[in-house]
Every structure is written in structure tokens, then in C-alpha cells.
Amino acid sequence: MSPVLSVLDLAPIAPGQTARESFAASVALAQAAERSGYRRVWYAEHHNMASIASSATSVVIGHVAEHTSTIRLGAGGIMLPNHSPLVIAEQFGTLETLFPGRIDLGLGRAPGSDQQTMVALRRDPMSADSFPQDVLELQAYLGGKAVQGVRAVPRAEGVVPLYILGSSLFGAQLAAQLGLPYAFASHFAPDSLHQAVSLYRERFQPSEQLAEPYVIAGANVFAAEDHDEAEAQRSVAYRARTRAMLSQGRAGANFTDAEIDAFLASPRGRGLASMTRYTAVGTPDEVRAYLADFATEAQADELILAHHAHDIADRVRSVELTANAMAAVA
């Protein structure tokens, strides 16, 4: 049986592009996902990165929701230790009130930034330690309960479902303990995928939100009508990603393609290249075969796919081709 498909939109700002253009591209991508039958689109909280526009994640969700009709939208994720649970409950209670039945809330405990940005966020370096308690506090607010006499207003009439995000065993154990869906960031942190999913499924405890374990696994996709075109899109995108990382997110690093390729072939660069191990690239048939095998190996109920082509037209086409190909075996 074909897995459910969703989209992870990293809201990229390409060199020479503005954030406004990035947001317009995110709207176009979500509209394509909606037309193509994807279940949801998620946006991630990152800070101090010149190549990513989704730092104000809840604002981006609201903007895209205004330009779509049915597809679920959410955070994949909100880095909860950066915020008070009350503020996040207010933001997502507001979103669910405005767009009922369409809002998801994925939660992570990483900073989504560097050490200096953590300070600028007023984040306590030890705040990740309270992540499990913060999730429970947020859950209480979203459920309309008072926490020490305080309630989140507005409280949405509908449910804002919570998801635990992770790239290690910690998130798997927490999601299992709380009976919440688990999303693994295998699109950039693949190493612990199988161990984490197995642990989550073995230890899952049913909850009011979820009766059985539910796994979402991330993968990268470059789908095009022609295999060589898809490979070319991957080369352009992953070289740009490497440039951004080498320059710590600042635009304008003057590395040639040959220098980037040489770095990725070096011992240090191979570690970076391995982060995108789970990448489907090629024609629709090739992408379908890869994703079907990946879903089976990852024991995934749902795949959340990051389409990375540089041009928005190519990203939209990749979204459409992938959906059509996977629907053919549903």
C-alpha cells in the first residue's frame, strides 16, 4: 500500500532572491501539493540563516493558509525550548480558529540556530532539558486547561494535533511515552532512523490523540521527466546547500563547482554528503520505486518530502510528478 505523502517546505531564499519571492514560491508549492493530493505541508523554524525564510513559522503558516483551501499546514517543527508553551498555544490556537481542521503542530527540542542566536533568542542553554514538561504544558493549554491559573486564549474549538520531531532516540522514546505521532528527520539526519522507529513502535503507549503508532519519515526528492535533468537539479541544489553550510548560512561564498565537488569527495565532505543519503532522484518511475522501498524499510506510514530543485517551477513539477507516480500504485 502506498504511503501517505506530505511536503516539507524549507522556504529557501536562493542567491539573488528576496524573502518575498521565497514566500510566493511557498504559496505556489502548497497550492501544487493541494492539487496533487498531498496531506500536509510543514515549515521549519530556523534562525540566523540567510538561505531560509521560515523563522517566523506560525506567520508563514497563516500566510500560506490564506492562499490554500483544504491542505493541512503546520510546523515541522517549532523548536519549543525557544518559546514559552503559552505563546505557542496562543499562536496555534489562533491559527486553528482561523483555519479550522487544517493546522498541525510538530515540536522539536533543538535550537534551530547557532550558539550566538540562542543567546539572542533569550534561550537558556539548559532549556532543552525541560522539553518533555513543556510538551505536556502546551498540550494542557491547547486542551483548554488552566496551568497555574493561566489559560491560552483563543482556544480553538478543534484539535491541534501534536507531533514529536526527532533525529535521535530521545524523541522516539518521548513520542512513544506520550502516545503521539513521531516524525524522523531522515532527510538530513539519517543515521538513527531505523533504530529510532523500532524503539518508538515497540514502546508506544496509546493516548487520547492516537491509538496506534504513526511514523512520518523525511526524504529528499528531485523528480523530472528526464533522469539527467533530475540529476542536474540535484547537483545544483546540493552544491548550493554545501556553499551555504560552508559560509554558515551567509550568501556570497565564492566557491566554484569544482571546489565544492572536491570538498564533498574529501573525508570531511563525505560526512556532509551522507546527510542527504535518503534522496530519490530521477524519472517518476525511478522516484516511485525508491520511495516505495524507503517507506517499507523505514516502517513509515507517511513520507514527508523535501523537493529541493533550485527553480520553483522545477520544485512544483517534482511535487506533481511524484504524487502522480505514487498514486499509480496506491
C-alpha atoms as a PDB file:
ATOM      1  CA  MET A   1       0.000   0.000   0.000  1.00  0.00           C
ATOM      2  CA  SER A   2       1.369   3.408  -0.980  1.00  0.00           C
ATOM      3  CA  PRO A   3       2.311   5.645   1.986  1.00  0.00           C
ATOM      4  CA  VAL A   4       0.645   8.981   2.639  1.00  0.00           C
ATOM      5  CA  LEU A   5       2.618  11.826   1.034  1.00  0.00           C
ATOM      6  CA  SER A   6       3.337  15.246   2.509  1.00  0.00           C
ATOM      7  CA  VAL A   7       5.722  18.107   1.769  1.00  0.00           C
ATOM      8  CA  LEU A   8       8.420  19.748   3.868  1.00  0.00           C
ATOM      9  CA  ASP A   9       8.996  23.252   2.507  1.00  0.00           C
ATOM     10  CA  LEU A  10      12.263  24.767   3.712  1.00  0.00           C
ATOM     11  CA  ALA A  11      11.248  28.158   2.264  1.00  0.00           C
ATOM     12  CA  PRO A  12      14.644  28.630   0.602  1.00  0.00           C
ATOM     13  CA  ILE A  13      15.978  32.054  -0.322  1.00  0.00           C
ATOM     14  CA  ALA A  14      18.233  31.494  -3.317  1.00  0.00           C
ATOM     15  CA  PRO A  15      21.172  33.815  -4.029  1.00  0.00           C
ATOM     16  CA  GLY A  16      19.802  36.996  -5.598  1.00  0.00           C
ATOM     17  CA  GLN A  17      16.282  36.206  -4.394  1.00  0.00           C
ATOM     18  CA  THR A  18      14.258  38.090  -1.777  1.00  0.00           C
ATOM     19  CA  ALA A  19      12.283  36.685   1.148  1.00  0.00           C
ATOM     20  CA  ARG A  20       9.091  37.942  -0.508  1.00  0.00           C
ATOM     21  CA  GLU A  21       9.884  35.817  -3.559  1.00  0.00           C
ATOM     22  CA  SER A  22      10.503  32.852  -1.266  1.00  0.00           C
ATOM     23  CA  PHE A  23       7.078  33.264   0.337  1.00  0.00           C
ATOM     24  CA  ALA A  24       5.438  33.474  -3.094  1.00  0.00           C
ATOM     25  CA  ALA A  25       7.208  30.239  -4.020  1.00  0.00           C
ATOM     26  CA  SER A  26       5.942  28.607  -0.813  1.00  0.00           C
ATOM     27  CA  VAL A  27       2.385  29.536  -1.754  1.00  0.00           C
ATOM     28  CA  ALA A  28       2.847  28.065  -5.242  1.00  0.00           C
ATOM     29  CA  LEU A  29       4.336  24.881  -3.795  1.00  0.00           C
ATOM     30  CA  ALA A  30       1.496  24.441  -1.288  1.00  0.00           C
ATOM     31  CA  GLN A  31      -1.106  25.023  -3.988  1.00  0.00           C
ATOM     32  CA  ALA A  32       0.567  22.369  -6.147  1.00  0.00           C
ATOM     33  CA  ALA A  33       0.634  19.959  -3.200  1.00  0.00           C
ATOM     34  CA  GLU A  34      -3.053  20.639  -2.556  1.00  0.00           C
ATOM     35  CA  ARG A  35      -3.956  19.971  -6.216  1.00  0.00           C
ATOM     36  CA  SER A  36      -1.860  16.807  -6.210  1.00  0.00           C
ATOM     37  CA  GLY A  37      -3.405  15.233  -3.121  1.00  0.00           C
ATOM     38  CA  TYR A  38      -0.665  15.624  -0.532  1.00  0.00           C
ATOM     39  CA  ARG A  39      -1.911  15.515   3.051  1.00  0.00           C
ATOM     40  CA  ARG A  40       0.087  18.369   4.584  1.00  0.00           C
ATOM     41  CA  VAL A  41       2.856  20.919   4.135  1.00  0.00           C
ATOM     42  CA  TRP A  42       5.172  21.704   7.038  1.00  0.00           C
ATOM     43  CA  TYR A  43       7.581  24.581   7.639  1.00  0.00           C
ATOM     44  CA  ALA A  44      10.584  24.504   9.961  1.00  0.00           C
ATOM     45  CA  GLU A  45      11.817  27.064  12.472  1.00  0.00           C
ATOM     46  CA  HIS A  46      15.371  28.162  11.648  1.00  0.00           C
ATOM     47  CA  HIS A  47      17.128  31.343  12.771  1.00  0.00           C
ATOM     48  CA  ASN A  48      20.070  33.416  11.534  1.00  0.00           C
ATOM     49  CA  MET A  49      20.198  31.590   8.217  1.00  0.00           C
ATOM     50  CA  ALA A  50      20.219  33.842   5.166  1.00  0.00           C
ATOM     51  CA  SER A  51      19.055  30.980   2.944  1.00  0.00           C
ATOM     52  CA  ILE A  52      15.858  30.074   4.869  1.00  0.00           C
ATOM     53  CA  ALA A  53      12.787  32.327   5.211  1.00  0.00           C
ATOM     54  CA  SER A  54      10.645  30.368   7.694  1.00  0.00           C
ATOM     55  CA  SER A  55      11.973  31.737  11.008  1.00  0.00           C
ATOM     56  CA  ALA A  56       8.556  33.214  11.930  1.00  0.00           C
ATOM     57  CA  THR A  57       6.971  29.826  11.319  1.00  0.00           C
ATOM     58  CA  SER A  58       3.431  30.497  12.525  1.00  0.00           C
ATOM     59  CA  VAL A  59       3.239  33.643  10.378  1.00  0.00           C
ATOM     60  CA  VAL A  60       4.295  31.688   7.283  1.00  0.00           C
ATOM     61  CA  ILE A  61       1.668  29.024   8.027  1.00  0.00           C
ATOM     62  CA  GLY A  62      -1.034  31.676   8.264  1.00  0.00           C
ATOM     63  CA  HIS A  63       0.066  33.322   5.024  1.00  0.00           C
ATOM     64  CA  VAL A  64       0.015  30.063   3.072  1.00  0.00           C
ATOM     65  CA  ALA A  65      -3.297  29.046   4.659  1.00  0.00           C
ATOM     66  CA  GLU A  66      -4.876  32.214   3.265  1.00  0.00           C
ATOM     67  CA  HIS A  67      -3.899  31.096  -0.234  1.00  0.00           C
ATOM     68  CA  THR A  68      -4.977  27.451   0.027  1.00  0.00           C
ATOM     69  CA  SER A  69      -8.263  25.760   0.884  1.00  0.00           C
ATOM     70  CA  THR A  70      -8.021  22.191   2.139  1.00  0.00           C
ATOM     71  CA  ILE A  71      -4.461  21.001   2.678  1.00  0.00           C
ATOM     72  CA  ARG A  72      -3.179  20.716   6.247  1.00  0.00           C
ATOM     73  CA  LEU A  73      -0.406  23.134   7.185  1.00  0.00           C
ATOM     74  CA  GLY A  74       1.880  23.110  10.157  1.00  0.00           C
ATOM     75  CA  ALA A  75       5.226  23.359  11.820  1.00  0.00           C
ATOM     76  CA  GLY A  76       7.821  20.726  11.243  1.00  0.00           C
ATOM     77  CA  GLY A  77       8.731  21.996  13.597  1.00  0.00           C
ATOM     78  CA  ILE A  78       8.512  24.627  16.274  1.00  0.00           C
ATOM     79  CA  MET A  79      11.622  24.413  18.450  1.00  0.00           C
ATOM     80  CA  LEU A  80       9.708  24.542  21.707  1.00  0.00           C
ATOM     81  CA  PRO A  81      12.610  25.410  24.056  1.00  0.00           C
ATOM     82  CA  ASN A  82      12.910  28.713  22.138  1.00  0.00           C
ATOM     83  CA  HIS A  83       9.427  29.735  23.347  1.00  0.00           C
ATOM     84  CA  SER A  84       7.055  29.599  26.263  1.00  0.00           C
ATOM     85  CA  PRO A  85       4.383  26.911  25.795  1.00  0.00           C
ATOM     86  CA  LEU A  86       1.728  29.574  26.428  1.00  0.00           C
ATOM     87  CA  VAL A  87       2.834  31.691  23.460  1.00  0.00           C
ATOM     88  CA  ILE A  88       2.870  28.691  21.112  1.00  0.00           C
ATOM     89  CA  ALA A  89      -0.577  27.628  22.361  1.00  0.00           C
ATOM     90  CA  GLU A  90      -1.863  31.136  21.639  1.00  0.00           C
ATOM     91  CA  GLN A  91      -0.325  31.183  18.153  1.00  0.00           C
ATOM     92  CA  PHE A  92      -1.610  27.764  17.108  1.00  0.00           C
ATOM     93  CA  GLY A  93      -4.943  28.236  18.840  1.00  0.00           C
ATOM     94  CA  THR A  94      -5.302  31.356  16.713  1.00  0.00           C
ATOM     95  CA  LEU A  95      -4.294  29.508  13.527  1.00  0.00           C
ATOM     96  CA  GLU A  96      -6.734  26.655  14.198  1.00  0.00           C
ATOM     97  CA  THR A  97      -9.513  29.173  14.918  1.00  0.00           C
ATOM     98  CA  LEU A  98      -8.851  30.952  11.620  1.00  0.00           C
ATOM     99  CA  PHE A  99      -8.306  27.774   9.569  1.00  0.00           C
ATOM    100  CA  PRO A 100     -10.245  25.015  11.362  1.00  0.00           C
ATOM    101  CA  GLY A 101      -9.234  21.435  10.761  1.00  0.00           C
ATOM    102  CA  ARG A 102      -6.081  22.355   8.873  1.00  0.00           C
ATOM    103  CA  ILE A 103      -3.353  23.075  11.441  1.00  0.00           C
ATOM    104  CA  ASP A 104      -0.618  20.722  12.721  1.00  0.00           C
ATOM    105  CA  LEU A 105       1.999  21.379  15.395  1.00  0.00           C
ATOM    106  CA  GLY A 106       5.259  19.452  15.201  1.00  0.00           C
ATOM    107  CA  LEU A 107       7.642  20.021  18.100  1.00  0.00           C
ATOM    108  CA  GLY A 108      11.416  19.718  18.372  1.00  0.00           C
ATOM    109  CA  ARG A 109      13.894  20.471  21.126  1.00  0.00           C
ATOM    110  CA  ALA A 110      16.906  21.662  19.095  1.00  0.00           C
ATOM    111  CA  PRO A 111      17.668  25.397  18.945  1.00  0.00           C
ATOM    112  CA  GLY A 112      17.342  25.651  15.167  1.00  0.00           C
ATOM    113  CA  SER A 113      20.267  28.046  15.323  1.00  0.00           C
ATOM    114  CA  ASP A 114      23.843  28.585  16.492  1.00  0.00           C
ATOM    115  CA  GLN A 115      25.033  29.406  19.996  1.00  0.00           C
ATOM    116  CA  GLN A 116      25.039  33.188  19.468  1.00  0.00           C
ATOM    117  CA  THR A 117      21.494  33.077  18.124  1.00  0.00           C
ATOM    118  CA  MET A 118      20.427  31.049  21.150  1.00  0.00           C
ATOM    119  CA  VAL A 119      21.537  33.974  23.302  1.00  0.00           C
ATOM    120  CA  ALA A 120      19.675  36.439  21.075  1.00  0.00           C
ATOM    121  CA  LEU A 121      16.545  34.287  21.461  1.00  0.00           C
ATOM    122  CA  ARG A 122      16.943  34.590  25.262  1.00  0.00           C
ATOM    123  CA  ARG A 123      17.138  30.818  25.341  1.00  0.00           C
ATOM    124  CA  ASP A 124      18.590  29.162  28.426  1.00  0.00           C
ATOM    125  CA  PRO A 125      21.243  26.613  27.345  1.00  0.00           C
ATOM    126  CA  MET A 126      19.555  24.105  29.671  1.00  0.00           C
ATOM    127  CA  SER A 127      16.047  24.714  28.317  1.00  0.00           C
ATOM    128  CA  ALA A 128      16.078  21.540  26.227  1.00  0.00           C
ATOM    129  CA  ASP A 129      16.112  19.547  29.462  1.00  0.00           C
ATOM    130  CA  SER A 130      12.533  20.629  30.205  1.00  0.00           C
ATOM    131  CA  PHE A 131      11.230  19.699  26.758  1.00  0.00           C
ATOM    132  CA  PRO A 132       9.017  16.803  27.954  1.00  0.00           C
ATOM    133  CA  GLN A 133       7.415  19.003  30.626  1.00  0.00           C
ATOM    134  CA  ASP A 134       6.978  21.830  28.115  1.00  0.00           C
ATOM    135  CA  VAL A 135       5.172  19.490  25.709  1.00  0.00           C
ATOM    136  CA  LEU A 136       2.757  18.470  28.468  1.00  0.00           C
ATOM    137  CA  GLU A 137       2.182  22.120  29.415  1.00  0.00           C
ATOM    138  CA  LEU A 138       1.499  23.039  25.800  1.00  0.00           C
ATOM    139  CA  GLN A 139      -0.852  20.085  25.458  1.00  0.00           C
ATOM    140  CA  ALA A 140      -2.781  21.267  28.506  1.00  0.00           C
ATOM    141  CA  TYR A 141      -3.126  24.818  27.153  1.00  0.00           C
ATOM    142  CA  LEU A 142      -4.321  23.561  23.757  1.00  0.00           C
ATOM    143  CA  GLY A 143      -6.835  21.347  25.521  1.00  0.00           C
ATOM    144  CA  GLY A 144      -8.375  24.326  27.289  1.00  0.00           C
ATOM    145  CA  LYS A 145      -6.908  23.559  30.699  1.00  0.00           C
ATOM    146  CA  ALA A 146      -5.540  26.177  33.078  1.00  0.00           C
ATOM    147  CA  VAL A 147      -1.873  25.948  34.047  1.00  0.00           C
ATOM    148  CA  GLN A 148      -1.274  27.707  37.374  1.00  0.00           C
ATOM    149  CA  GLY A 149      -4.416  29.755  36.766  1.00  0.00           C
ATOM    150  CA  VAL A 150      -3.495  30.758  33.190  1.00  0.00           C
ATOM    151  CA  ARG A 151      -5.378  29.758  30.031  1.00  0.00           C
ATOM    152  CA  ALA A 152      -4.392  30.139  26.384  1.00  0.00           C
ATOM    153  CA  VAL A 153      -6.731  32.472  24.503  1.00  0.00           C
ATOM    154  CA  PRO A 154      -8.076  31.941  21.930  1.00  0.00           C
ATOM    155  CA  ARG A 155      -8.656  28.248  22.408  1.00  0.00           C
ATOM    156  CA  ALA A 156      -9.612  26.675  19.115  1.00  0.00           C
ATOM    157  CA  GLU A 157     -12.799  24.634  19.010  1.00  0.00           C
ATOM    158  CA  GLY A 158     -10.990  21.950  17.025  1.00  0.00           C
ATOM    159  CA  VAL A 159      -7.968  19.901  17.989  1.00  0.00           C
ATOM    160  CA  VAL A 160      -4.433  20.990  17.141  1.00  0.00           C
ATOM    161  CA  PRO A 161      -2.671  17.614  16.838  1.00  0.00           C
ATOM    162  CA  LEU A 162       0.862  17.402  18.225  1.00  0.00           C
ATOM    163  CA  TYR A 163       3.754  15.565  16.604  1.00  0.00           C
ATOM    164  CA  ILE A 164       7.162  14.888  18.131  1.00  0.00           C
ATOM    165  CA  LEU A 165      10.064  15.520  15.775  1.00  0.00           C
ATOM    166  CA  GLY A 166      13.442  13.948  16.237  1.00  0.00           C
ATOM    167  CA  SER A 167      16.703  12.708  14.798  1.00  0.00           C
ATOM    168  CA  SER A 168      17.750  10.573  17.777  1.00  0.00           C
ATOM    169  CA  LEU A 169      16.358   8.051  20.229  1.00  0.00           C
ATOM    170  CA  PHE A 170      15.239  10.740  22.683  1.00  0.00           C
ATOM    171  CA  GLY A 171      12.335  11.932  20.546  1.00  0.00           C
ATOM    172  CA  ALA A 172      11.317   8.359  19.748  1.00  0.00           C
ATOM    173  CA  GLN A 173      11.068   7.474  23.430  1.00  0.00           C
ATOM    174  CA  LEU A 174       9.133  10.645  24.275  1.00  0.00           C
ATOM    175  CA  ALA A 175       6.672  10.221  21.398  1.00  0.00           C
ATOM    176  CA  ALA A 176       6.080   6.607  22.431  1.00  0.00           C
ATOM    177  CA  GLN A 177       5.587   7.531  26.076  1.00  0.00           C
ATOM    178  CA  LEU A 178       3.103  10.326  25.277  1.00  0.00           C
ATOM    179  CA  GLY A 179       1.286   8.388  22.567  1.00  0.00           C
ATOM    180  CA  LEU A 180       1.990  10.953  19.867  1.00  0.00           C
ATOM    181  CA  PRO A 181       2.929  10.598  16.176  1.00  0.00           C
ATOM    182  CA  TYR A 182       6.671  10.568  15.542  1.00  0.00           C
ATOM    183  CA  ALA A 183       8.390  12.340  12.631  1.00  0.00           C
ATOM    184  CA  PHE A 184      12.022  11.460  11.977  1.00  0.00           C
ATOM    185  CA  ALA A 185      14.276  13.981  10.216  1.00  0.00           C
ATOM    186  CA  SER A 186      15.871  11.399   7.954  1.00  0.00           C
ATOM    187  CA  HIS A 187      16.051  13.914   5.112  1.00  0.00           C
ATOM    188  CA  PHE A 188      19.147  15.418   6.787  1.00  0.00           C
ATOM    189  CA  ALA A 189      19.967  13.188   9.801  1.00  0.00           C
ATOM    190  CA  PRO A 190      19.591   9.607   8.574  1.00  0.00           C
ATOM    191  CA  ASP A 191      21.854   7.632  10.884  1.00  0.00           C
ATOM    192  CA  SER A 192      19.431   6.622  13.658  1.00  0.00           C
ATOM    193  CA  LEU A 193      16.283   6.263  11.556  1.00  0.00           C
ATOM    194  CA  HIS A 194      15.730   2.509  11.825  1.00  0.00           C
ATOM    195  CA  GLN A 195      16.704   2.220  15.478  1.00  0.00           C
ATOM    196  CA  ALA A 196      14.515   5.170  16.477  1.00  0.00           C
ATOM    197  CA  VAL A 197      11.459   3.925  14.582  1.00  0.00           C
ATOM    198  CA  SER A 198      11.800   0.423  16.019  1.00  0.00           C
ATOM    199  CA  LEU A 199      12.105   1.837  19.531  1.00  0.00           C
ATOM    200  CA  TYR A 200       9.076   4.065  19.023  1.00  0.00           C
ATOM    201  CA  ARG A 201       6.898   1.233  17.732  1.00  0.00           C
ATOM    202  CA  GLU A 202       7.993  -1.167  20.482  1.00  0.00           C
ATOM    203  CA  ARG A 203       7.326   1.272  23.349  1.00  0.00           C
ATOM    204  CA  PHE A 204       4.274   3.109  22.041  1.00  0.00           C
ATOM    205  CA  GLN A 205       1.517   3.720  24.594  1.00  0.00           C
ATOM    206  CA  PRO A 206      -1.947   4.621  23.239  1.00  0.00           C
ATOM    207  CA  SER A 207      -3.253   8.085  24.090  1.00  0.00           C
ATOM    208  CA  GLU A 208      -6.346  10.197  23.611  1.00  0.00           C
ATOM    209  CA  GLN A 209      -4.838  11.547  20.384  1.00  0.00           C
ATOM    210  CA  LEU A 210      -3.502   8.318  18.918  1.00  0.00           C
ATOM    211  CA  ALA A 211      -4.447   4.644  19.341  1.00  0.00           C
ATOM    212  CA  GLU A 212      -1.584   3.118  17.343  1.00  0.00           C
ATOM    213  CA  PRO A 213       1.947   4.265  16.478  1.00  0.00           C
ATOM    214  CA  TYR A 214       2.261   6.543  13.467  1.00  0.00           C
ATOM    215  CA  VAL A 215       5.601   7.234  11.791  1.00  0.00           C
ATOM    216  CA  ILE A 216       6.489  10.031   9.383  1.00  0.00           C
ATOM    217  CA  ALA A 217       9.899   9.762   7.701  1.00  0.00           C
ATOM    218  CA  GLY A 218      11.632  12.513   5.746  1.00  0.00           C
ATOM    219  CA  ALA A 219      13.256  12.104   2.330  1.00  0.00           C
ATOM    220  CA  ASN A 220      14.584  14.385  -0.393  1.00  0.00           C
ATOM    221  CA  VAL A 221      13.228  14.312  -3.934  1.00  0.00           C
ATOM    222  CA  PHE A 222      14.269  15.510  -7.377  1.00  0.00           C
ATOM    223  CA  ALA A 223      11.718  14.249  -9.882  1.00  0.00           C
ATOM    224  CA  ALA A 224      11.763  15.246 -13.556  1.00  0.00           C
ATOM    225  CA  GLU A 225      10.607  13.760 -16.850  1.00  0.00           C
ATOM    226  CA  ASP A 226      14.248  13.082 -17.765  1.00  0.00           C
ATOM    227  CA  HIS A 227      16.736  11.320 -15.465  1.00  0.00           C
ATOM    228  CA  ASP A 228      19.668  13.525 -16.448  1.00  0.00           C
ATOM    229  CA  GLU A 229      17.619  16.649 -15.746  1.00  0.00           C
ATOM    230  CA  ALA A 230      16.782  15.380 -12.262  1.00  0.00           C
ATOM    231  CA  GLU A 231      20.455  14.622 -11.622  1.00  0.00           C
ATOM    232  CA  ALA A 232      21.398  18.124 -12.782  1.00  0.00           C
ATOM    233  CA  GLN A 233      18.845  19.633 -10.398  1.00  0.00           C
ATOM    234  CA  ARG A 234      20.306  17.609  -7.533  1.00  0.00           C
ATOM    235  CA  SER A 235      23.842  18.761  -8.341  1.00  0.00           C
ATOM    236  CA  VAL A 236      22.829  22.429  -8.387  1.00  0.00           C
ATOM    237  CA  ALA A 237      20.809  22.182  -5.186  1.00  0.00           C
ATOM    238  CA  TYR A 238      23.320  20.205  -3.145  1.00  0.00           C
ATOM    239  CA  ARG A 239      26.215  22.386  -4.239  1.00  0.00           C
ATOM    240  CA  ALA A 240      24.213  25.439  -3.110  1.00  0.00           C
ATOM    241  CA  ARG A 241      23.443  23.722   0.200  1.00  0.00           C
ATOM    242  CA  THR A 242      27.123  22.964   0.723  1.00  0.00           C
ATOM    243  CA  ARG A 243      28.087  26.567  -0.054  1.00  0.00           C
ATOM    244  CA  ALA A 244      25.538  27.810   2.480  1.00  0.00           C
ATOM    245  CA  MET A 245      26.855  25.476   5.161  1.00  0.00           C
ATOM    246  CA  LEU A 246      30.488  26.323   4.498  1.00  0.00           C
ATOM    247  CA  SER A 247      29.658  30.026   4.760  1.00  0.00           C
ATOM    248  CA  GLN A 248      27.464  29.432   7.853  1.00  0.00           C
ATOM    249  CA  GLY A 249      24.326  30.486   6.032  1.00  0.00           C
ATOM    250  CA  ARG A 250      25.726  33.745   4.623  1.00  0.00           C
ATOM    251  CA  ALA A 251      25.153  34.369   0.936  1.00  0.00           C
ATOM    252  CA  GLY A 252      28.001  35.119  -1.434  1.00  0.00           C
ATOM    253  CA  ALA A 253      30.647  32.490  -0.703  1.00  0.00           C
ATOM    254  CA  ASN A 254      32.742  32.257  -3.884  1.00  0.00           C
ATOM    255  CA  PHE A 255      33.361  28.540  -4.132  1.00  0.00           C
ATOM    256  CA  THR A 256      33.471  27.122  -7.656  1.00  0.00           C
ATOM    257  CA  ASP A 257      31.544  23.982  -8.565  1.00  0.00           C
ATOM    258  CA  ALA A 258      34.852  22.111  -8.833  1.00  0.00           C
ATOM    259  CA  GLU A 259      35.860  23.220  -5.326  1.00  0.00           C
ATOM    260  CA  ILE A 260      32.506  22.145  -3.904  1.00  0.00           C
ATOM    261  CA  ASP A 261      32.702  18.754  -5.627  1.00  0.00           C
ATOM    262  CA  ALA A 262      36.264  18.252  -4.348  1.00  0.00           C
ATOM    263  CA  PHE A 263      35.167  19.103  -0.816  1.00  0.00           C
ATOM    264  CA  LEU A 264      32.231  16.674  -0.933  1.00  0.00           C
ATOM    265  CA  ALA A 265      34.641  13.930  -2.051  1.00  0.00           C
ATOM    266  CA  SER A 266      37.002  14.632   0.866  1.00  0.00           C
ATOM    267  CA  PRO A 267      36.730  12.806   4.223  1.00  0.00           C
ATOM    268  CA  ARG A 268      35.137  15.827   5.888  1.00  0.00           C
ATOM    269  CA  GLY A 269      32.833  16.471   2.954  1.00  0.00           C
ATOM    270  CA  ARG A 270      31.656  12.884   2.751  1.00  0.00           C
ATOM    271  CA  GLY A 271      30.125  13.322   6.197  1.00  0.00           C
ATOM    272  CA  LEU A 272      28.148  16.292   4.932  1.00  0.00           C
ATOM    273  CA  ALA A 273      27.151  14.479   1.751  1.00  0.00           C
ATOM    274  CA  SER A 274      25.902  11.498   3.763  1.00  0.00           C
ATOM    275  CA  MET A 275      23.333  13.720   5.480  1.00  0.00           C
ATOM    276  CA  THR A 276      21.238  13.560   2.294  1.00  0.00           C
ATOM    277  CA  ARG A 277      21.586   9.783   1.974  1.00  0.00           C
ATOM    278  CA  TYR A 278      17.835   9.367   1.543  1.00  0.00           C
ATOM    279  CA  THR A 279      17.309  11.126  -1.778  1.00  0.00           C
ATOM    280  CA  ALA A 280      15.048   9.990  -4.599  1.00  0.00           C
ATOM    281  CA  VAL A 281      16.241  11.317  -7.935  1.00  0.00           C
ATOM    282  CA  GLY A 282      15.188  10.577 -11.484  1.00  0.00           C
ATOM    283  CA  THR A 283      12.094   9.948 -13.556  1.00  0.00           C
ATOM    284  CA  PRO A 284       8.691   9.409 -11.921  1.00  0.00           C
ATOM    285  CA  ASP A 285       9.112   5.628 -12.153  1.00  0.00           C
ATOM    286  CA  GLU A 286      12.555   5.797 -10.541  1.00  0.00           C
ATOM    287  CA  VAL A 287      11.315   8.084  -7.765  1.00  0.00           C
ATOM    288  CA  ARG A 288       8.290   5.866  -7.123  1.00  0.00           C
ATOM    289  CA  ALA A 289      10.454   2.749  -6.791  1.00  0.00           C
ATOM    290  CA  TYR A 290      12.866   4.492  -4.434  1.00  0.00           C
ATOM    291  CA  LEU A 291      10.183   5.951  -2.177  1.00  0.00           C
ATOM    292  CA  ALA A 292       8.202   2.704  -2.010  1.00  0.00           C
ATOM    293  CA  ASP A 293      11.321   0.839  -0.862  1.00  0.00           C
ATOM    294  CA  PHE A 294      12.247   3.608   1.566  1.00  0.00           C
ATOM    295  CA  ALA A 295       8.796   3.635   3.164  1.00  0.00           C
ATOM    296  CA  THR A 296       8.932  -0.128   3.667  1.00  0.00           C
ATOM    297  CA  GLU A 297      12.453  -0.089   5.143  1.00  0.00           C
ATOM    298  CA  ALA A 298      11.638   2.863   7.424  1.00  0.00           C
ATOM    299  CA  GLN A 299       8.328   1.323   8.572  1.00  0.00           C
ATOM    300  CA  ALA A 300       6.803   4.688   7.656  1.00  0.00           C
ATOM    301  CA  ASP A 301       3.080   5.370   7.487  1.00  0.00           C
ATOM    302  CA  GLU A 302       3.752   8.715   5.824  1.00  0.00           C
ATOM    303  CA  LEU A 303       6.607  10.265   3.877  1.00  0.00           C
ATOM    304  CA  ILE A 304       7.306  13.983   4.174  1.00  0.00           C
ATOM    305  CA  LEU A 305       9.263  15.016   1.108  1.00  0.00           C
ATOM    306  CA  ALA A 306      11.601  17.946   0.643  1.00  0.00           C
ATOM    307  CA  HIS A 307      11.699  18.927  -3.032  1.00  0.00           C
ATOM    308  CA  HIS A 308      14.946  20.863  -3.432  1.00  0.00           C
ATOM    309  CA  ALA A 309      15.165  21.937  -7.079  1.00  0.00           C
ATOM    310  CA  HIS A 310      16.543  25.474  -7.358  1.00  0.00           C
ATOM    311  CA  ASP A 311      13.760  26.872  -9.565  1.00  0.00           C
ATOM    312  CA  ILE A 312      10.248  26.956  -8.158  1.00  0.00           C
ATOM    313  CA  ALA A 313       8.839  25.686 -11.462  1.00  0.00           C
ATOM    314  CA  ASP A 314      11.028  22.583 -11.136  1.00  0.00           C
ATOM    315  CA  ARG A 315      10.027  22.117  -7.477  1.00  0.00           C
ATOM    316  CA  VAL A 316       6.343  22.332  -8.371  1.00  0.00           C
ATOM    317  CA  ARG A 317       6.834  19.871 -11.204  1.00  0.00           C
ATOM    318  CA  SER A 318       8.678  17.499  -8.870  1.00  0.00           C
ATOM    319  CA  VAL A 319       5.756  17.662  -6.432  1.00  0.00           C
ATOM    320  CA  GLU A 320       3.288  16.866  -9.226  1.00  0.00           C
ATOM    321  CA  LEU A 321       5.303  14.087 -10.837  1.00  0.00           C
ATOM    322  CA  THR A 322       5.944  12.368  -7.509  1.00  0.00           C
ATOM    323  CA  ALA A 323       2.286  12.461  -6.492  1.00  0.00           C
ATOM    324  CA  ASN A 324       1.139  11.099  -9.847  1.00  0.00           C
ATOM    325  CA  ALA A 325       3.711   8.327  -9.773  1.00  0.00           C
ATOM    326  CA  MET A 326       2.878   7.225  -6.236  1.00  0.00           C
ATOM    327  CA  ALA A 327      -0.867   7.360  -6.937  1.00  0.00           C
ATOM    328  CA  ALA A 328      -0.364   4.859  -9.727  1.00  0.00           C
ATOM    329  CA  VAL A 329       0.479   2.155  -7.172  1.00  0.00           C
ATOM    330  CA  ALA A 330      -1.902   3.252  -4.407  1.00  0.00           C
END
